[in-house]
Protein backbone atom coordinates (compact mmCIF):
# COMPACT_ATOMS: atom_id res chain seq x y z
CA MET A 1 -129.19 -50.99 -85.79
CA THR A 2 -132.31 -50.51 -83.70
CA HIS A 3 -132.17 -48.02 -80.84
CA SER A 4 -134.06 -50.44 -78.56
CA VAL A 5 -130.84 -51.64 -76.90
CA GLU A 6 -128.72 -49.28 -74.83
CA PRO A 7 -126.17 -47.77 -77.26
CA THR A 8 -123.54 -47.77 -74.53
CA GLN A 9 -123.68 -51.55 -74.24
CA LEU A 10 -123.36 -51.98 -77.99
CA GLU A 11 -120.43 -49.60 -78.14
CA LEU A 12 -118.75 -51.36 -75.24
CA LEU A 13 -119.26 -54.73 -76.90
CA THR A 14 -117.82 -53.57 -80.22
CA ALA A 15 -114.68 -52.29 -78.49
CA ALA A 16 -114.43 -55.44 -76.32
CA ASN A 17 -114.65 -57.68 -79.38
CA GLN A 18 -111.89 -55.72 -81.09
CA ARG A 19 -109.61 -56.10 -78.07
CA LEU A 20 -110.34 -59.83 -77.80
CA VAL A 21 -109.62 -60.43 -81.49
CA ARG A 22 -106.33 -58.52 -81.21
CA THR A 23 -105.32 -60.72 -78.28
CA VAL A 24 -106.26 -63.93 -80.09
CA ASP A 25 -104.47 -62.85 -83.27
CA GLY A 26 -101.29 -62.22 -81.31
CA LEU A 27 -101.18 -65.51 -79.39
CA ASP A 28 -98.42 -68.00 -79.96
CA ASP A 29 -99.82 -71.49 -80.55
CA SER A 30 -98.06 -72.82 -77.43
CA THR A 31 -100.01 -70.38 -75.23
CA TYR A 32 -103.30 -72.21 -75.83
CA ALA A 33 -102.14 -75.04 -73.55
CA HIS A 34 -101.16 -72.70 -70.70
CA ALA A 35 -103.26 -72.59 -67.55
CA SER A 36 -105.81 -69.79 -67.40
CA LEU A 37 -107.07 -68.10 -64.23
CA LEU A 38 -110.06 -70.47 -64.19
CA PRO A 39 -109.63 -73.82 -62.39
CA GLU A 40 -108.96 -76.76 -64.74
CA TRP A 41 -109.29 -74.61 -67.87
CA THR A 42 -106.44 -73.75 -70.19
CA VAL A 43 -106.31 -70.63 -72.32
CA GLY A 44 -107.70 -72.82 -75.09
CA HIS A 45 -110.70 -73.83 -72.98
CA VAL A 46 -111.55 -70.23 -72.07
CA LEU A 47 -111.38 -69.22 -75.72
CA ALA A 48 -113.45 -72.26 -76.69
CA HIS A 49 -116.10 -71.18 -74.19
CA LEU A 50 -116.11 -67.66 -75.64
CA ALA A 51 -116.53 -69.03 -79.17
CA LEU A 52 -119.33 -71.41 -78.19
CA ASN A 53 -121.05 -68.74 -76.11
CA GLY A 54 -121.11 -66.39 -79.09
CA GLU A 55 -122.37 -69.15 -81.36
CA GLY A 56 -125.02 -70.17 -78.83
CA LEU A 57 -126.35 -66.66 -78.35
CA ALA A 58 -126.33 -66.06 -82.10
CA GLY A 59 -128.22 -69.29 -82.71
CA ALA A 60 -130.80 -68.36 -80.10
CA LEU A 61 -131.27 -64.92 -81.67
CA ARG A 62 -131.69 -66.54 -85.06
CA GLY A 63 -134.32 -68.79 -83.49
CA VAL A 64 -136.23 -65.72 -82.35
CA THR A 65 -136.02 -64.14 -85.80
CA THR A 66 -137.19 -67.29 -87.60
CA GLY A 67 -139.69 -68.36 -84.93
CA ALA A 68 -137.83 -71.63 -84.31
CA GLY A 69 -137.49 -70.97 -80.57
CA THR A 70 -133.92 -72.29 -80.38
CA PRO A 71 -132.35 -72.60 -76.89
CA MET A 72 -128.87 -71.20 -76.36
CA TYR A 73 -127.47 -74.66 -75.60
CA GLU A 74 -128.81 -78.14 -76.37
CA SER A 75 -128.11 -79.09 -72.73
CA GLN A 76 -125.64 -78.28 -69.98
CA GLU A 77 -123.89 -81.57 -70.67
CA ALA A 78 -123.58 -80.76 -74.38
CA ARG A 79 -122.21 -77.31 -73.52
CA ASN A 80 -119.55 -78.79 -71.25
CA ARG A 81 -118.68 -81.51 -73.75
CA ASP A 82 -118.29 -79.01 -76.59
CA ILE A 83 -116.00 -76.77 -74.52
CA ALA A 84 -113.86 -79.75 -73.54
CA ALA A 85 -113.53 -80.84 -77.17
CA LEU A 86 -112.87 -77.44 -78.74
CA GLY A 87 -110.55 -76.44 -75.90
CA VAL A 88 -107.96 -79.00 -77.04
CA ALA A 89 -108.42 -78.46 -80.79
CA VAL A 90 -105.59 -77.04 -82.86
CA PRO A 91 -105.05 -73.34 -82.10
CA SER A 92 -105.96 -72.28 -85.64
CA GLU A 93 -109.45 -73.78 -85.23
CA ILE A 94 -110.02 -72.14 -81.85
CA ARG A 95 -108.77 -68.82 -83.19
CA ALA A 96 -111.07 -68.99 -86.20
CA ARG A 97 -114.10 -69.94 -84.11
CA VAL A 98 -113.53 -67.09 -81.63
CA GLU A 99 -113.21 -64.48 -84.36
CA ALA A 100 -116.16 -65.84 -86.34
CA SER A 101 -118.37 -65.95 -83.24
CA THR A 102 -118.04 -62.19 -82.72
CA GLN A 103 -119.19 -61.53 -86.28
CA LEU A 104 -121.96 -64.13 -86.08
CA PHE A 105 -123.43 -62.61 -82.92
CA ASP A 106 -123.32 -59.10 -84.40
CA ARG A 107 -125.03 -60.30 -87.57
CA GLU A 108 -127.87 -62.07 -85.78
CA LEU A 109 -128.35 -59.16 -83.39
CA SER A 110 -128.67 -56.78 -86.33
CA ALA A 111 -131.20 -59.09 -88.00
CA LEU A 112 -133.46 -59.30 -84.94
CA PRO A 113 -136.81 -57.61 -85.69
CA HIS A 114 -137.64 -54.57 -83.57
CA ASP A 115 -140.78 -56.22 -82.18
CA GLN A 116 -138.84 -59.26 -80.94
CA TRP A 117 -136.52 -57.59 -78.41
CA GLU A 118 -138.72 -58.79 -75.54
CA ALA A 119 -138.91 -62.38 -76.85
CA THR A 120 -137.88 -65.07 -74.37
CA ILE A 121 -134.83 -67.29 -74.94
CA GLU A 122 -134.12 -70.46 -72.96
CA ARG A 123 -130.56 -71.17 -71.86
CA THR A 124 -131.26 -74.90 -72.18
CA PRO A 125 -134.63 -76.52 -72.99
CA GLY A 126 -137.01 -75.83 -70.09
CA ASN A 127 -134.40 -73.98 -68.03
CA PRO A 128 -133.74 -70.34 -67.02
CA ALA A 129 -134.88 -67.92 -69.69
CA PHE A 130 -133.89 -64.37 -70.56
CA ARG A 131 -135.04 -61.64 -72.92
CA ALA A 132 -133.49 -61.22 -76.35
CA ARG A 133 -132.49 -57.66 -75.41
CA SER A 134 -130.40 -59.08 -72.55
CA THR A 135 -128.03 -60.84 -74.94
CA VAL A 136 -125.98 -57.68 -75.53
CA LEU A 137 -125.02 -57.28 -71.88
CA MET A 138 -124.64 -61.04 -71.48
CA ARG A 139 -122.19 -61.20 -74.36
CA LEU A 140 -120.36 -58.09 -73.19
CA ARG A 141 -119.79 -59.62 -69.75
CA GLU A 142 -118.61 -62.89 -71.26
CA VAL A 143 -116.11 -61.22 -73.56
CA GLU A 144 -114.65 -58.79 -71.05
CA ILE A 145 -114.53 -61.05 -67.99
CA HIS A 146 -113.22 -64.13 -69.78
CA HIS A 147 -110.70 -62.04 -71.72
CA ALA A 148 -109.25 -61.18 -68.32
CA ASP A 149 -109.58 -64.83 -67.23
CA LEU A 150 -107.04 -65.80 -69.89
CA GLY A 151 -104.39 -64.61 -67.44
CA LEU A 152 -102.38 -62.89 -70.17
CA ASP A 153 -101.65 -59.19 -70.73
CA TYR A 154 -105.30 -58.11 -70.52
CA SER A 155 -106.80 -57.88 -67.03
CA ASN A 156 -109.73 -56.32 -65.20
CA ARG A 157 -107.55 -53.24 -64.71
CA ASP A 158 -107.94 -52.63 -68.44
CA TRP A 159 -111.74 -52.46 -68.14
CA VAL A 160 -113.22 -49.06 -68.88
CA PRO A 161 -115.24 -47.59 -65.98
CA ALA A 162 -118.51 -47.94 -67.90
CA PHE A 163 -118.08 -51.71 -68.07
CA SER A 164 -117.08 -52.01 -64.40
CA VAL A 165 -120.26 -50.13 -63.52
CA GLN A 166 -122.30 -52.56 -65.65
CA VAL A 167 -120.87 -55.49 -63.68
CA ILE A 168 -121.50 -53.85 -60.32
CA GLU A 169 -125.06 -52.87 -61.22
CA SER A 170 -125.74 -56.42 -62.44
CA ALA A 171 -124.57 -57.67 -59.04
CA VAL A 172 -126.88 -55.22 -57.29
CA LYS A 173 -129.83 -56.75 -59.15
CA ARG A 174 -128.96 -60.20 -57.74
CA ALA A 175 -130.33 -59.20 -54.33
CA GLY A 176 -131.03 -62.78 -53.26
CA ASP A 177 -127.41 -63.87 -53.81
CA TRP A 178 -126.06 -61.88 -50.88
CA PRO A 179 -126.76 -63.48 -47.47
CA VAL A 180 -125.35 -60.42 -45.69
CA PRO A 181 -126.12 -56.98 -47.16
CA PHE A 182 -123.15 -54.71 -47.80
CA ARG A 183 -122.14 -51.56 -49.62
CA VAL A 184 -119.40 -51.08 -52.20
CA LEU A 185 -117.60 -47.78 -52.71
CA ALA A 186 -115.76 -47.19 -55.98
CA ARG A 187 -113.17 -44.69 -54.87
CA ASP A 188 -112.12 -43.77 -58.39
CA LEU A 189 -115.72 -42.95 -59.38
CA ALA A 190 -116.85 -41.55 -55.99
CA GLN A 191 -119.92 -43.78 -56.29
CA THR A 192 -121.57 -46.31 -53.97
CA TRP A 193 -123.99 -49.20 -54.42
CA GLU A 194 -125.83 -51.38 -51.91
CA LEU A 195 -126.10 -55.12 -52.38
CA GLY A 196 -128.54 -57.46 -50.67
CA ASP A 197 -131.65 -56.69 -48.67
CA GLY A 198 -131.47 -54.64 -45.48
CA GLU A 199 -129.06 -52.27 -43.81
CA PRO A 200 -125.48 -52.78 -45.10
CA ALA A 201 -123.32 -54.54 -42.53
CA ALA A 202 -120.04 -53.37 -44.09
CA THR A 203 -118.58 -51.15 -46.78
CA VAL A 204 -116.06 -52.60 -49.24
CA SER A 205 -113.89 -49.98 -50.93
CA GLY A 206 -111.66 -50.08 -53.98
CA ASP A 207 -111.41 -49.04 -57.59
CA ALA A 208 -114.42 -49.92 -59.73
CA HIS A 209 -112.55 -52.49 -61.84
CA ASP A 210 -111.36 -54.33 -58.72
CA LEU A 211 -114.81 -54.27 -57.10
CA ALA A 212 -116.35 -55.59 -60.32
CA TRP A 213 -113.77 -58.38 -60.56
CA TRP A 214 -114.39 -59.40 -56.95
CA LEU A 215 -118.18 -59.32 -57.37
CA THR A 216 -117.89 -62.00 -60.04
CA GLY A 217 -116.49 -64.33 -57.38
CA ARG A 218 -112.84 -63.84 -58.27
CA ASP A 219 -109.86 -63.13 -56.00
CA ASP A 220 -109.72 -59.51 -54.87
CA ARG A 221 -105.89 -59.65 -55.15
CA GLY A 222 -105.55 -57.64 -51.96
CA THR A 223 -106.76 -54.45 -53.60
CA LEU A 224 -109.95 -54.00 -51.56
CA THR A 225 -110.53 -52.80 -48.02
CA VAL A 226 -113.48 -53.40 -45.71
CA ASP A 227 -114.52 -51.38 -42.68
CA HIS A 228 -115.89 -54.31 -40.70
CA ASP A 229 -114.37 -57.75 -40.07
CA GLU A 230 -113.63 -59.39 -43.42
CA LEU A 231 -114.85 -59.22 -46.99
CA PRO A 232 -118.38 -60.56 -47.43
CA GLU A 233 -118.77 -63.90 -49.18
CA VAL A 234 -119.31 -63.60 -52.92
CA PRO A 235 -120.79 -66.51 -54.93
CA ALA A 236 -119.17 -67.63 -58.17
CA TRP A 237 -120.35 -65.90 -61.34
């Protein structure tokens, strides 16, 4: 494997994939129809999204390697349609697709030539693009966050600190998403970050895994405190 991508991200992704596969392997078929933590999506739909996301990223990486210039998804409509269809497939198909997608992404990442890490990939034709090197962190976030979204035994409280920090630092980079600047304090790590442009109007405190969960637009579950008025508004991830 090339050293061009942060080893920590690769190590985190390998461990995250192993945890996800263990969860999927242990699911009773009836659980796939249960509601997840995401509105209108069952456990099956979340797992379908994870499978299709892995397949889409792998296909895009293969497009970089071969020079085909393949977008991650054919279109937003096709993405949504595919999730809806796979989400209600028989559990054995969903399970197989999830597990295969982790291997497929790893294989295409390993095959990516060293001089193509800065190549541009389109999410859909003509729409927001990202660098090939970004796919590792993108996939890591998808696996860890949506694993918790299943609403089963695995939650954000199982995230290792290094991943929570990755989520927080990704939020910091989205400076334009925060209409009111604020600071977050991870009490367990004794570390702070500032989000948005300008002097922070408030400080939100909590453990890193709870701050990271909240910064993706999810319910803070009453675990966070703020020193001024109420928690700042957080857009959906």
